Amino acid sequence: MSCGDHHETPCSEVLARVYTYLDGELDEGGCGEVQEHLHECGPCLREYGLEEAVKKIVKKGCECESAPEDLRAKVLGRIEQICTELKQTETGTAGTV
């Protein structure tokens, strides 16, 4: 996903770090970059809101402290796939082999 606007931190980088941000695992500088980007970029803010909601639902529905390993692997795999697609879109190589 990219809104088409130039940002100090690219959309793909912000979305790749959204779970790390949600988990409070980014340093102060990283948090500031993500927060600034989300303030400027509506599409990324919406995606962040969706990821935040998913995380809350998983946490609420799971009696364990963290998500089951297979679910975590599927989610991380999907995130990697989306990041790859975003990078291809941003570099103009989408659809090329």
PDB file of N, CA and C in Angstrom:
ATOM      1  N   MET A   1       0.840  -1.171   0.000  1.00  0.00           N
ATOM      2  CA  MET A   1       0.000   0.000   0.000  1.00  0.00           C
ATOM      3  C   MET A   1       0.879   1.225   0.000  1.00  0.00           C
ATOM      4  N   SER A   2       0.490   2.184  -0.781  1.00  0.00           N
ATOM      5  CA  SER A   2       1.151   3.477  -0.783  1.00  0.00           C
ATOM      6  C   SER A   2       0.110   4.500  -1.167  1.00  0.00           C
ATOM      7  N   CYS A   3       0.123   5.611  -0.467  1.00  0.00           N
ATOM      8  CA  CYS A   3      -0.862   6.649  -0.751  1.00  0.00           C
ATOM      9  C   CYS A   3      -0.464   7.481  -1.961  1.00  0.00           C
ATOM     10  N   GLY A   4       0.771   7.281  -2.454  1.00  0.00           N
ATOM     11  CA  GLY A   4       1.253   8.025  -3.601  1.00  0.00           C
ATOM     12  C   GLY A   4       1.974   9.306  -3.221  1.00  0.00           C
ATOM     13  N   ASP A   5       1.911   9.686  -1.957  1.00  0.00           N
ATOM     14  CA  ASP A   5       2.601  10.884  -1.492  1.00  0.00           C
ATOM     15  C   ASP A   5       3.975  10.509  -0.970  1.00  0.00           C
ATOM     16  N   HIS A   6       4.883  11.477  -1.007  1.00  0.00           N
ATOM     17  CA  HIS A   6       6.217  11.249  -0.453  1.00  0.00           C
ATOM     18  C   HIS A   6       6.164  11.472   1.062  1.00  0.00           C
ATOM     19  N   HIS A   7       6.748  10.548   1.794  1.00  0.00           N
ATOM     20  CA  HIS A   7       6.840  10.659   3.241  1.00  0.00           C
ATOM     21  C   HIS A   7       8.287  10.433   3.650  1.00  0.00           C
ATOM     22  N   GLU A   8       8.665  11.004   4.770  1.00  0.00           N
ATOM     23  CA  GLU A   8      10.013  10.794   5.297  1.00  0.00           C
ATOM     24  C   GLU A   8      10.281   9.305   5.475  1.00  0.00           C
ATOM     25  N   THR A   9       9.291   8.584   6.014  1.00  0.00           N
ATOM     26  CA  THR A   9       9.375   7.132   6.174  1.00  0.00           C
ATOM     27  C   THR A   9       8.372   6.504   5.209  1.00  0.00           C
ATOM     28  N   PRO A  10       8.809   5.660   4.271  1.00  0.00           N
ATOM     29  CA  PRO A  10       7.900   5.075   3.280  1.00  0.00           C
ATOM     30  C   PRO A  10       6.789   4.224   3.910  1.00  0.00           C
ATOM     31  N   CYS A  11       5.664   4.169   3.234  1.00  0.00           N
ATOM     32  CA  CYS A  11       4.516   3.380   3.703  1.00  0.00           C
ATOM     33  C   CYS A  11       4.926   1.930   3.981  1.00  0.00           C
ATOM     34  N   SER A  12       5.683   1.328   3.093  1.00  0.00           N
ATOM     35  CA  SER A  12       6.047  -0.079   3.267  1.00  0.00           C
ATOM     36  C   SER A  12       6.841  -0.292   4.548  1.00  0.00           C
ATOM     37  N   GLU A  13       7.696   0.653   4.883  1.00  0.00           N
ATOM     38  CA  GLU A  13       8.498   0.527   6.104  1.00  0.00           C
ATOM     39  C   GLU A  13       7.620   0.658   7.346  1.00  0.00           C
ATOM     40  N   VAL A  14       6.685   1.580   7.316  1.00  0.00           N
ATOM     41  CA  VAL A  14       5.777   1.768   8.456  1.00  0.00           C
ATOM     42  C   VAL A  14       4.925   0.525   8.647  1.00  0.00           C
ATOM     43  N   LEU A  15       4.363   0.012   7.565  1.00  0.00           N
ATOM     44  CA  LEU A  15       3.494  -1.161   7.685  1.00  0.00           C
ATOM     45  C   LEU A  15       4.279  -2.398   8.101  1.00  0.00           C
ATOM     46  N   ALA A  16       5.536  -2.475   7.732  1.00  0.00           N
ATOM     47  CA  ALA A  16       6.364  -3.609   8.156  1.00  0.00           C
ATOM     48  C   ALA A  16       6.629  -3.562   9.658  1.00  0.00           C
ATOM     49  N   ARG A  17       6.572  -2.364  10.237  1.00  0.00           N
ATOM     50  CA  ARG A  17       6.856  -2.218  11.670  1.00  0.00           C
ATOM     51  C   ARG A  17       5.612  -2.032  12.522  1.00  0.00           C
ATOM     52  N   VAL A  18       4.423  -2.146  11.929  1.00  0.00           N
ATOM     53  CA  VAL A  18       3.206  -1.820  12.667  1.00  0.00           C
ATOM     54  C   VAL A  18       3.001  -2.735  13.886  1.00  0.00           C
ATOM     55  N   TYR A  19       3.270  -4.029  13.760  1.00  0.00           N
ATOM     56  CA  TYR A  19       3.090  -4.911  14.913  1.00  0.00           C
ATOM     57  C   TYR A  19       4.147  -4.650  15.981  1.00  0.00           C
ATOM     58  N   THR A  20       5.354  -4.349  15.563  1.00  0.00           N
ATOM     59  CA  THR A  20       6.403  -4.007  16.521  1.00  0.00           C
ATOM     60  C   THR A  20       6.005  -2.743  17.275  1.00  0.00           C
ATOM     61  N   TYR A  21       5.418  -1.801  16.552  1.00  0.00           N
ATOM     62  CA  TYR A  21       4.929  -0.560  17.165  1.00  0.00           C
ATOM     63  C   TYR A  21       3.786  -0.863  18.136  1.00  0.00           C
ATOM     64  N   LEU A  22       2.825  -1.656  17.691  1.00  0.00           N
ATOM     65  CA  LEU A  22       1.692  -2.003  18.547  1.00  0.00           C
ATOM     66  C   LEU A  22       2.129  -2.738  19.812  1.00  0.00           C
ATOM     67  N   ASP A  23       3.177  -3.533  19.698  1.00  0.00           N
ATOM     68  CA  ASP A  23       3.677  -4.292  20.842  1.00  0.00           C
ATOM     69  C   ASP A  23       4.572  -3.462  21.754  1.00  0.00           C
ATOM     70  N   GLY A  24       4.828  -2.205  21.393  1.00  0.00           N
ATOM     71  CA  GLY A  24       5.674  -1.340  22.212  1.00  0.00           C
ATOM     72  C   GLY A  24       7.137  -1.735  22.171  1.00  0.00           C
ATOM     73  N   GLU A  25       7.563  -2.339  21.062  1.00  0.00           N
ATOM     74  CA  GLU A  25       8.927  -2.845  20.947  1.00  0.00           C
ATOM     75  C   GLU A  25       9.839  -1.960  20.104  1.00  0.00           C
ATOM     76  N   LEU A  26       9.364  -0.805  19.682  1.00  0.00           N
ATOM     77  CA  LEU A  26      10.208   0.127  18.927  1.00  0.00           C
ATOM     78  C   LEU A  26      10.860   1.110  19.888  1.00  0.00           C
ATOM     79  N   ASP A  27      12.061   1.550  19.524  1.00  0.00           N
ATOM     80  CA  ASP A  27      12.704   2.575  20.332  1.00  0.00           C
ATOM     81  C   ASP A  27      11.981   3.908  20.110  1.00  0.00           C
ATOM     82  N   GLU A  28      12.357   4.900  20.872  1.00  0.00           N
ATOM     83  CA  GLU A  28      11.684   6.195  20.821  1.00  0.00           C
ATOM     84  C   GLU A  28      11.701   6.803  19.419  1.00  0.00           C
ATOM     85  N   GLY A  29      12.851   6.711  18.743  1.00  0.00           N
ATOM     86  CA  GLY A  29      12.958   7.252  17.384  1.00  0.00           C
ATOM     87  C   GLY A  29      12.038   6.541  16.414  1.00  0.00           C
ATOM     88  N   GLY A  30      11.990   5.208  16.509  1.00  0.00           N
ATOM     89  CA  GLY A  30      11.118   4.423  15.643  1.00  0.00           C
ATOM     90  C   GLY A  30       9.657   4.736  15.879  1.00  0.00           C
ATOM     91  N   CYS A  31       9.294   4.892  17.142  1.00  0.00           N
ATOM     92  CA  CYS A  31       7.907   5.250  17.475  1.00  0.00           C
ATOM     93  C   CYS A  31       7.542   6.605  16.873  1.00  0.00           C
ATOM     94  N   GLY A  32       8.476   7.553  16.990  1.00  0.00           N
ATOM     95  CA  GLY A  32       8.229   8.886  16.444  1.00  0.00           C
ATOM     96  C   GLY A  32       8.027   8.854  14.940  1.00  0.00           C
ATOM     97  N   GLU A  33       8.838   8.056  14.243  1.00  0.00           N
ATOM     98  CA  GLU A  33       8.706   7.945  12.784  1.00  0.00           C
ATOM     99  C   GLU A  33       7.353   7.368  12.405  1.00  0.00           C
ATOM    100  N   VAL A  34       6.959   6.296  13.096  1.00  0.00           N
ATOM    101  CA  VAL A  34       5.670   5.666  12.795  1.00  0.00           C
ATOM    102  C   VAL A  34       4.529   6.624  13.107  1.00  0.00           C
ATOM    103  N   GLN A  35       4.577   7.267  14.262  1.00  0.00           N
ATOM    104  CA  GLN A  35       3.507   8.199  14.644  1.00  0.00           C
ATOM    105  C   GLN A  35       3.392   9.357  13.652  1.00  0.00           C
ATOM    106  N   GLU A  36       4.527   9.903  13.235  1.00  0.00           N
ATOM    107  CA  GLU A  36       4.511  11.011  12.274  1.00  0.00           C
ATOM    108  C   GLU A  36       3.902  10.553  10.949  1.00  0.00           C
ATOM    109  N   HIS A  37       4.301   9.378  10.497  1.00  0.00           N
ATOM    110  CA  HIS A  37       3.769   8.864   9.234  1.00  0.00           C
ATOM    111  C   HIS A  37       2.262   8.632   9.338  1.00  0.00           C
ATOM    112  N   LEU A  38       1.824   8.003  10.420  1.00  0.00           N
ATOM    113  CA  LEU A  38       0.393   7.735  10.586  1.00  0.00           C
ATOM    114  C   LEU A  38      -0.410   9.030  10.645  1.00  0.00           C
ATOM    115  N   HIS A  39       0.175  10.068  11.190  1.00  0.00           N
ATOM    116  CA  HIS A  39      -0.488  11.370  11.254  1.00  0.00           C
ATOM    117  C   HIS A  39      -0.675  11.963   9.857  1.00  0.00           C
ATOM    118  N   GLU A  40       0.262  11.676   8.952  1.00  0.00           N
ATOM    119  CA  GLU A  40       0.245  12.241   7.602  1.00  0.00           C
ATOM    120  C   GLU A  40      -0.484  11.382   6.578  1.00  0.00           C
ATOM    121  N   CYS A  41      -0.597  10.077   6.834  1.00  0.00           N
ATOM    122  CA  CYS A  41      -1.009   9.141   5.783  1.00  0.00           C
ATOM    123  C   CYS A  41      -2.292   8.397   6.174  1.00  0.00           C
ATOM    124  N   GLY A  42      -3.393   8.802   5.571  1.00  0.00           N
ATOM    125  CA  GLY A  42      -4.684   8.179   5.858  1.00  0.00           C
ATOM    126  C   GLY A  42      -4.734   6.684   5.571  1.00  0.00           C
ATOM    127  N   PRO A  43      -4.237   6.219   4.415  1.00  0.00           N
ATOM    128  CA  PRO A  43      -4.286   4.783   4.141  1.00  0.00           C
ATOM    129  C   PRO A  43      -3.517   3.947   5.177  1.00  0.00           C
ATOM    130  N   CYS A  44      -2.363   4.422   5.587  1.00  0.00           N
ATOM    131  CA  CYS A  44      -1.587   3.675   6.594  1.00  0.00           C
ATOM    132  C   CYS A  44      -2.270   3.734   7.960  1.00  0.00           C
ATOM    133  N   LEU A  45      -2.892   4.866   8.278  1.00  0.00           N
ATOM    134  CA  LEU A  45      -3.614   4.992   9.543  1.00  0.00           C
ATOM    135  C   LEU A  45      -4.775   3.999   9.585  1.00  0.00           C
ATOM    136  N   ARG A  46      -5.481   3.854   8.466  1.00  0.00           N
ATOM    137  CA  ARG A  46      -6.583   2.884   8.409  1.00  0.00           C
ATOM    138  C   ARG A  46      -6.040   1.459   8.584  1.00  0.00           C
ATOM    139  N   GLU A  47      -4.932   1.151   7.914  1.00  0.00           N
ATOM    140  CA  GLU A  47      -4.330  -0.176   8.034  1.00  0.00           C
ATOM    141  C   GLU A  47      -3.880  -0.426   9.470  1.00  0.00           C
ATOM    142  N   TYR A  48      -3.295   0.585  10.082  1.00  0.00           N
ATOM    143  CA  TYR A  48      -2.883   0.489  11.488  1.00  0.00           C
ATOM    144  C   TYR A  48      -4.093   0.182  12.363  1.00  0.00           C
ATOM    145  N   GLY A  49      -5.197   0.872  12.114  1.00  0.00           N
ATOM    146  CA  GLY A  49      -6.418   0.649  12.902  1.00  0.00           C
ATOM    147  C   GLY A  49      -6.921  -0.779  12.757  1.00  0.00           C
ATOM    148  N   LEU A  50      -6.851  -1.325  11.547  1.00  0.00           N
ATOM    149  CA  LEU A  50      -7.262  -2.714  11.326  1.00  0.00           C
ATOM    150  C   LEU A  50      -6.352  -3.675  12.082  1.00  0.00           C
ATOM    151  N   GLU A  51      -5.053  -3.450  12.004  1.00  0.00           N
ATOM    152  CA  GLU A  51      -4.102  -4.334  12.681  1.00  0.00           C
ATOM    153  C   GLU A  51      -4.268  -4.251  14.195  1.00  0.00           C
ATOM    154  N   GLU A  52      -4.537  -3.057  14.686  1.00  0.00           N
ATOM    155  CA  GLU A  52      -4.764  -2.875  16.119  1.00  0.00           C
ATOM    156  C   GLU A  52      -6.008  -3.650  16.557  1.00  0.00           C
ATOM    157  N   ALA A  53      -7.059  -3.583  15.753  1.00  0.00           N
ATOM    158  CA  ALA A  53      -8.292  -4.302  16.076  1.00  0.00           C
ATOM    159  C   ALA A  53      -8.074  -5.813  16.042  1.00  0.00           C
ATOM    160  N   VAL A  54      -7.354  -6.305  15.037  1.00  0.00           N
ATOM    161  CA  VAL A  54      -7.064  -7.741  14.939  1.00  0.00           C
ATOM    162  C   VAL A  54      -6.285  -8.196  16.167  1.00  0.00           C
ATOM    163  N   LYS A  55      -5.300  -7.428  16.548  1.00  0.00           N
ATOM    164  CA  LYS A  55      -4.482  -7.781  17.711  1.00  0.00           C
ATOM    165  C   LYS A  55      -5.341  -7.862  18.972  1.00  0.00           C
ATOM    166  N   LYS A  56      -6.246  -6.918  19.144  1.00  0.00           N
ATOM    167  CA  LYS A  56      -7.128  -6.925  20.319  1.00  0.00           C
ATOM    168  C   LYS A  56      -8.051  -8.141  20.302  1.00  0.00           C
ATOM    169  N   ILE A  57      -8.577  -8.476  19.126  1.00  0.00           N
ATOM    170  CA  ILE A  57      -9.481  -9.631  19.023  1.00  0.00           C
ATOM    171  C   ILE A  57      -8.733 -10.919  19.334  1.00  0.00           C
ATOM    172  N   VAL A  58      -7.540 -11.069  18.775  1.00  0.00           N
ATOM    173  CA  VAL A  58      -6.746 -12.271  19.032  1.00  0.00           C
ATOM    174  C   VAL A  58      -6.411 -12.371  20.517  1.00  0.00           C
ATOM    175  N   LYS A  59      -6.020 -11.264  21.100  1.00  0.00           N
ATOM    176  CA  LYS A  59      -5.669 -11.269  22.519  1.00  0.00           C
ATOM    177  C   LYS A  59      -6.878 -11.628  23.376  1.00  0.00           C
ATOM    178  N   LYS A  60      -8.020 -11.070  23.042  1.00  0.00           N
ATOM    179  CA  LYS A  60      -9.237 -11.327  23.821  1.00  0.00           C
ATOM    180  C   LYS A  60      -9.697 -12.773  23.664  1.00  0.00           C
ATOM    181  N   GLY A  61      -9.579 -13.310  22.451  1.00  0.00           N
ATOM    182  CA  GLY A  61     -10.081 -14.650  22.184  1.00  0.00           C
ATOM    183  C   GLY A  61      -9.112 -15.766  22.543  1.00  0.00           C
ATOM    184  N   CYS A  62      -7.899 -15.412  22.875  1.00  0.00           N
ATOM    185  CA  CYS A  62      -6.891 -16.423  23.164  1.00  0.00           C
ATOM    186  C   CYS A  62      -6.595 -16.411  24.663  1.00  0.00           C
ATOM    187  N   GLU A  63      -6.743 -17.551  25.296  1.00  0.00           N
ATOM    188  CA  GLU A  63      -6.523 -17.644  26.732  1.00  0.00           C
ATOM    189  C   GLU A  63      -5.038 -17.632  27.080  1.00  0.00           C
ATOM    190  N   CYS A  64      -4.214 -17.880  26.092  1.00  0.00           N
ATOM    191  CA  CYS A  64      -2.784 -17.894  26.373  1.00  0.00           C
ATOM    192  C   CYS A  64      -2.225 -16.471  26.304  1.00  0.00           C
ATOM    193  N   GLU A  65      -0.980 -16.309  26.705  1.00  0.00           N
ATOM    194  CA  GLU A  65      -0.350 -15.000  26.746  1.00  0.00           C
ATOM    195  C   GLU A  65      -0.054 -14.457  25.353  1.00  0.00           C
ATOM    196  N   SER A  66       0.220 -15.322  24.393  1.00  0.00           N
ATOM    197  CA  SER A  66       0.509 -14.881  23.032  1.00  0.00           C
ATOM    198  C   SER A  66      -0.293 -15.727  22.046  1.00  0.00           C
ATOM    199  N   ALA A  67      -0.304 -15.278  20.807  1.00  0.00           N
ATOM    200  CA  ALA A  67      -1.041 -15.992  19.770  1.00  0.00           C
ATOM    201  C   ALA A  67      -0.421 -17.371  19.539  1.00  0.00           C
ATOM    202  N   PRO A  68      -1.247 -18.358  19.153  1.00  0.00           N
ATOM    203  CA  PRO A  68      -0.695 -19.677  18.823  1.00  0.00           C
ATOM    204  C   PRO A  68       0.361 -19.554  17.730  1.00  0.00           C
ATOM    205  N   GLU A  69       1.365 -20.405  17.785  1.00  0.00           N
ATOM    206  CA  GLU A  69       2.501 -20.308  16.866  1.00  0.00           C
ATOM    207  C   GLU A  69       2.084 -20.406  15.400  1.00  0.00           C
ATOM    208  N   ASP A  70       1.121 -21.276  15.074  1.00  0.00           N
ATOM    209  CA  ASP A  70       0.701 -21.400  13.676  1.00  0.00           C
ATOM    210  C   ASP A  70       0.005 -20.129  13.186  1.00  0.00           C
ATOM    211  N   LEU A  71      -0.785 -19.504  14.045  1.00  0.00           N
ATOM    212  CA  LEU A  71      -1.432 -18.247  13.680  1.00  0.00           C
ATOM    213  C   LEU A  71      -0.376 -17.157  13.492  1.00  0.00           C
ATOM    214  N   ARG A  72       0.557 -17.098  14.409  1.00  0.00           N
ATOM    215  CA  ARG A  72       1.636 -16.113  14.317  1.00  0.00           C
ATOM    216  C   ARG A  72       2.413 -16.286  13.006  1.00  0.00           C
ATOM    217  N   ALA A  73       2.718 -17.531  12.648  1.00  0.00           N
ATOM    218  CA  ALA A  73       3.462 -17.804  11.415  1.00  0.00           C
ATOM    219  C   ALA A  73       2.656 -17.363  10.191  1.00  0.00           C
ATOM    220  N   LYS A  74       1.350 -17.634  10.187  1.00  0.00           N
ATOM    221  CA  LYS A  74       0.507 -17.230   9.061  1.00  0.00           C
ATOM    222  C   LYS A  74       0.451 -15.711   8.930  1.00  0.00           C
ATOM    223  N   VAL A  75       0.284 -15.033  10.066  1.00  0.00           N
ATOM    224  CA  VAL A  75       0.203 -13.572  10.041  1.00  0.00           C
ATOM    225  C   VAL A  75       1.526 -12.973   9.569  1.00  0.00           C
ATOM    226  N   LEU A  76       2.633 -13.460  10.114  1.00  0.00           N
ATOM    227  CA  LEU A  76       3.943 -12.942   9.704  1.00  0.00           C
ATOM    228  C   LEU A  76       4.216 -13.230   8.233  1.00  0.00           C
ATOM    229  N   GLY A  77       3.792 -14.395   7.752  1.00  0.00           N
ATOM    230  CA  GLY A  77       3.944 -14.717   6.331  1.00  0.00           C
ATOM    231  C   GLY A  77       3.159 -13.764   5.454  1.00  0.00           C
ATOM    232  N   ARG A  78       1.958 -13.452   5.883  1.00  0.00           N
ATOM    233  CA  ARG A  78       1.114 -12.522   5.120  1.00  0.00           C
ATOM    234  C   ARG A  78       1.716 -11.122   5.135  1.00  0.00           C
ATOM    235  N   ILE A  79       2.257 -10.708   6.263  1.00  0.00           N
ATOM    236  CA  ILE A  79       2.898  -9.400   6.357  1.00  0.00           C
ATOM    237  C   ILE A  79       4.086  -9.332   5.404  1.00  0.00           C
ATOM    238  N   GLU A  80       4.886 -10.379   5.377  1.00  0.00           N
ATOM    239  CA  GLU A  80       6.031 -10.420   4.455  1.00  0.00           C
ATOM    240  C   GLU A  80       5.566 -10.311   3.008  1.00  0.00           C
ATOM    241  N   GLN A  81       4.491 -11.035   2.667  1.00  0.00           N
ATOM    242  CA  GLN A  81       3.960 -11.013   1.303  1.00  0.00           C
ATOM    243  C   GLN A  81       3.509  -9.592   0.933  1.00  0.00           C
ATOM    244  N   ILE A  82       2.806  -8.935   1.842  1.00  0.00           N
ATOM    245  CA  ILE A  82       2.322  -7.581   1.580  1.00  0.00           C
ATOM    246  C   ILE A  82       3.489  -6.615   1.446  1.00  0.00           C
ATOM    247  N   CYS A  83       4.487  -6.761   2.297  1.00  0.00           N
ATOM    248  CA  CYS A  83       5.665  -5.882   2.219  1.00  0.00           C
ATOM    249  C   CYS A  83       6.382  -6.050   0.889  1.00  0.00           C
ATOM    250  N   THR A  84       6.497  -7.278   0.422  1.00  0.00           N
ATOM    251  CA  THR A  84       7.130  -7.533  -0.877  1.00  0.00           C
ATOM    252  C   THR A  84       6.330  -6.870  -1.986  1.00  0.00           C
ATOM    253  N   GLU A  85       5.014  -6.998  -1.923  1.00  0.00           N
ATOM    254  CA  GLU A  85       4.158  -6.375  -2.933  1.00  0.00           C
ATOM    255  C   GLU A  85       4.292  -4.854  -2.884  1.00  0.00           C
ATOM    256  N   LEU A  86       4.357  -4.294  -1.676  1.00  0.00           N
ATOM    257  CA  LEU A  86       4.505  -2.846  -1.534  1.00  0.00           C
ATOM    258  C   LEU A  86       5.825  -2.369  -2.123  1.00  0.00           C
ATOM    259  N   LYS A  87       6.900  -3.090  -1.834  1.00  0.00           N
ATOM    260  CA  LYS A  87       8.205  -2.715  -2.358  1.00  0.00           C
ATOM    261  C   LYS A  87       8.201  -2.761  -3.875  1.00  0.00           C
ATOM    262  N   GLN A  88       7.553  -3.782  -4.439  1.00  0.00           N
ATOM    263  CA  GLN A  88       7.480  -3.897  -5.892  1.00  0.00           C
ATOM    264  C   GLN A  88       6.681  -2.740  -6.480  1.00  0.00           C
ATOM    265  N   THR A  89       5.602  -2.371  -5.815  1.00  0.00           N
ATOM    266  CA  THR A  89       4.772  -1.268  -6.277  1.00  0.00           C
ATOM    267  C   THR A  89       5.538   0.047  -6.215  1.00  0.00           C
ATOM    268  N   GLU A  90       6.260   0.255  -5.110  1.00  0.00           N
ATOM    269  CA  GLU A  90       7.005   1.506  -4.938  1.00  0.00           C
ATOM    270  C   GLU A  90       8.173   1.619  -5.908  1.00  0.00           C
ATOM    271  N   THR A  91       8.764   0.485  -6.291  1.00  0.00           N
ATOM    272  CA  THR A  91       9.893   0.533  -7.220  1.00  0.00           C
ATOM    273  C   THR A  91       9.450   0.367  -8.675  1.00  0.00           C
ATOM    274  N   GLY A  92       8.160   0.125  -8.879  1.00  0.00           N
ATOM    275  CA  GLY A  92       7.649  -0.018 -10.235  1.00  0.00           C
ATOM    276  C   GLY A  92       7.937  -1.355 -10.871  1.00  0.00           C
ATOM    277  N   THR A  93       8.226  -2.381 -10.045  1.00  0.00           N
ATOM    278  CA  THR A  93       8.529  -3.709 -10.605  1.00  0.00           C
ATOM    279  C   THR A  93       7.373  -4.671 -10.422  1.00  0.00           C
ATOM    280  N   ALA A  94       6.217  -4.194 -10.023  1.00  0.00           N
ATOM    281  CA  ALA A  94       5.074  -5.083  -9.829  1.00  0.00           C
ATOM    282  C   ALA A  94       4.716  -5.750 -11.149  1.00  0.00           C
ATOM    283  N   GLY A  95       4.507  -7.047 -11.083  1.00  0.00           N
ATOM    284  CA  GLY A  95       4.098  -7.798 -12.253  1.00  0.00           C
ATOM    285  C   GLY A  95       5.244  -8.230 -13.148  1.00  0.00           C
ATOM    286  N   THR A  96       6.462  -7.813 -12.855  1.00  0.00           N
ATOM    287  CA  THR A  96       7.589  -8.246 -13.667  1.00  0.00           C
ATOM    288  C   THR A  96       8.218  -9.472 -13.050  1.00  0.00           C
ATOM    289  N   VAL A  97       8.800 -10.275 -13.890  1.00  0.00           N
ATOM    290  CA  VAL A  97       9.435 -11.522 -13.414  1.00  0.00           C
ATOM    291  C   VAL A  97      10.912 -11.465 -13.662  1.00  0.00           C
TER     292      VAL A  97
END
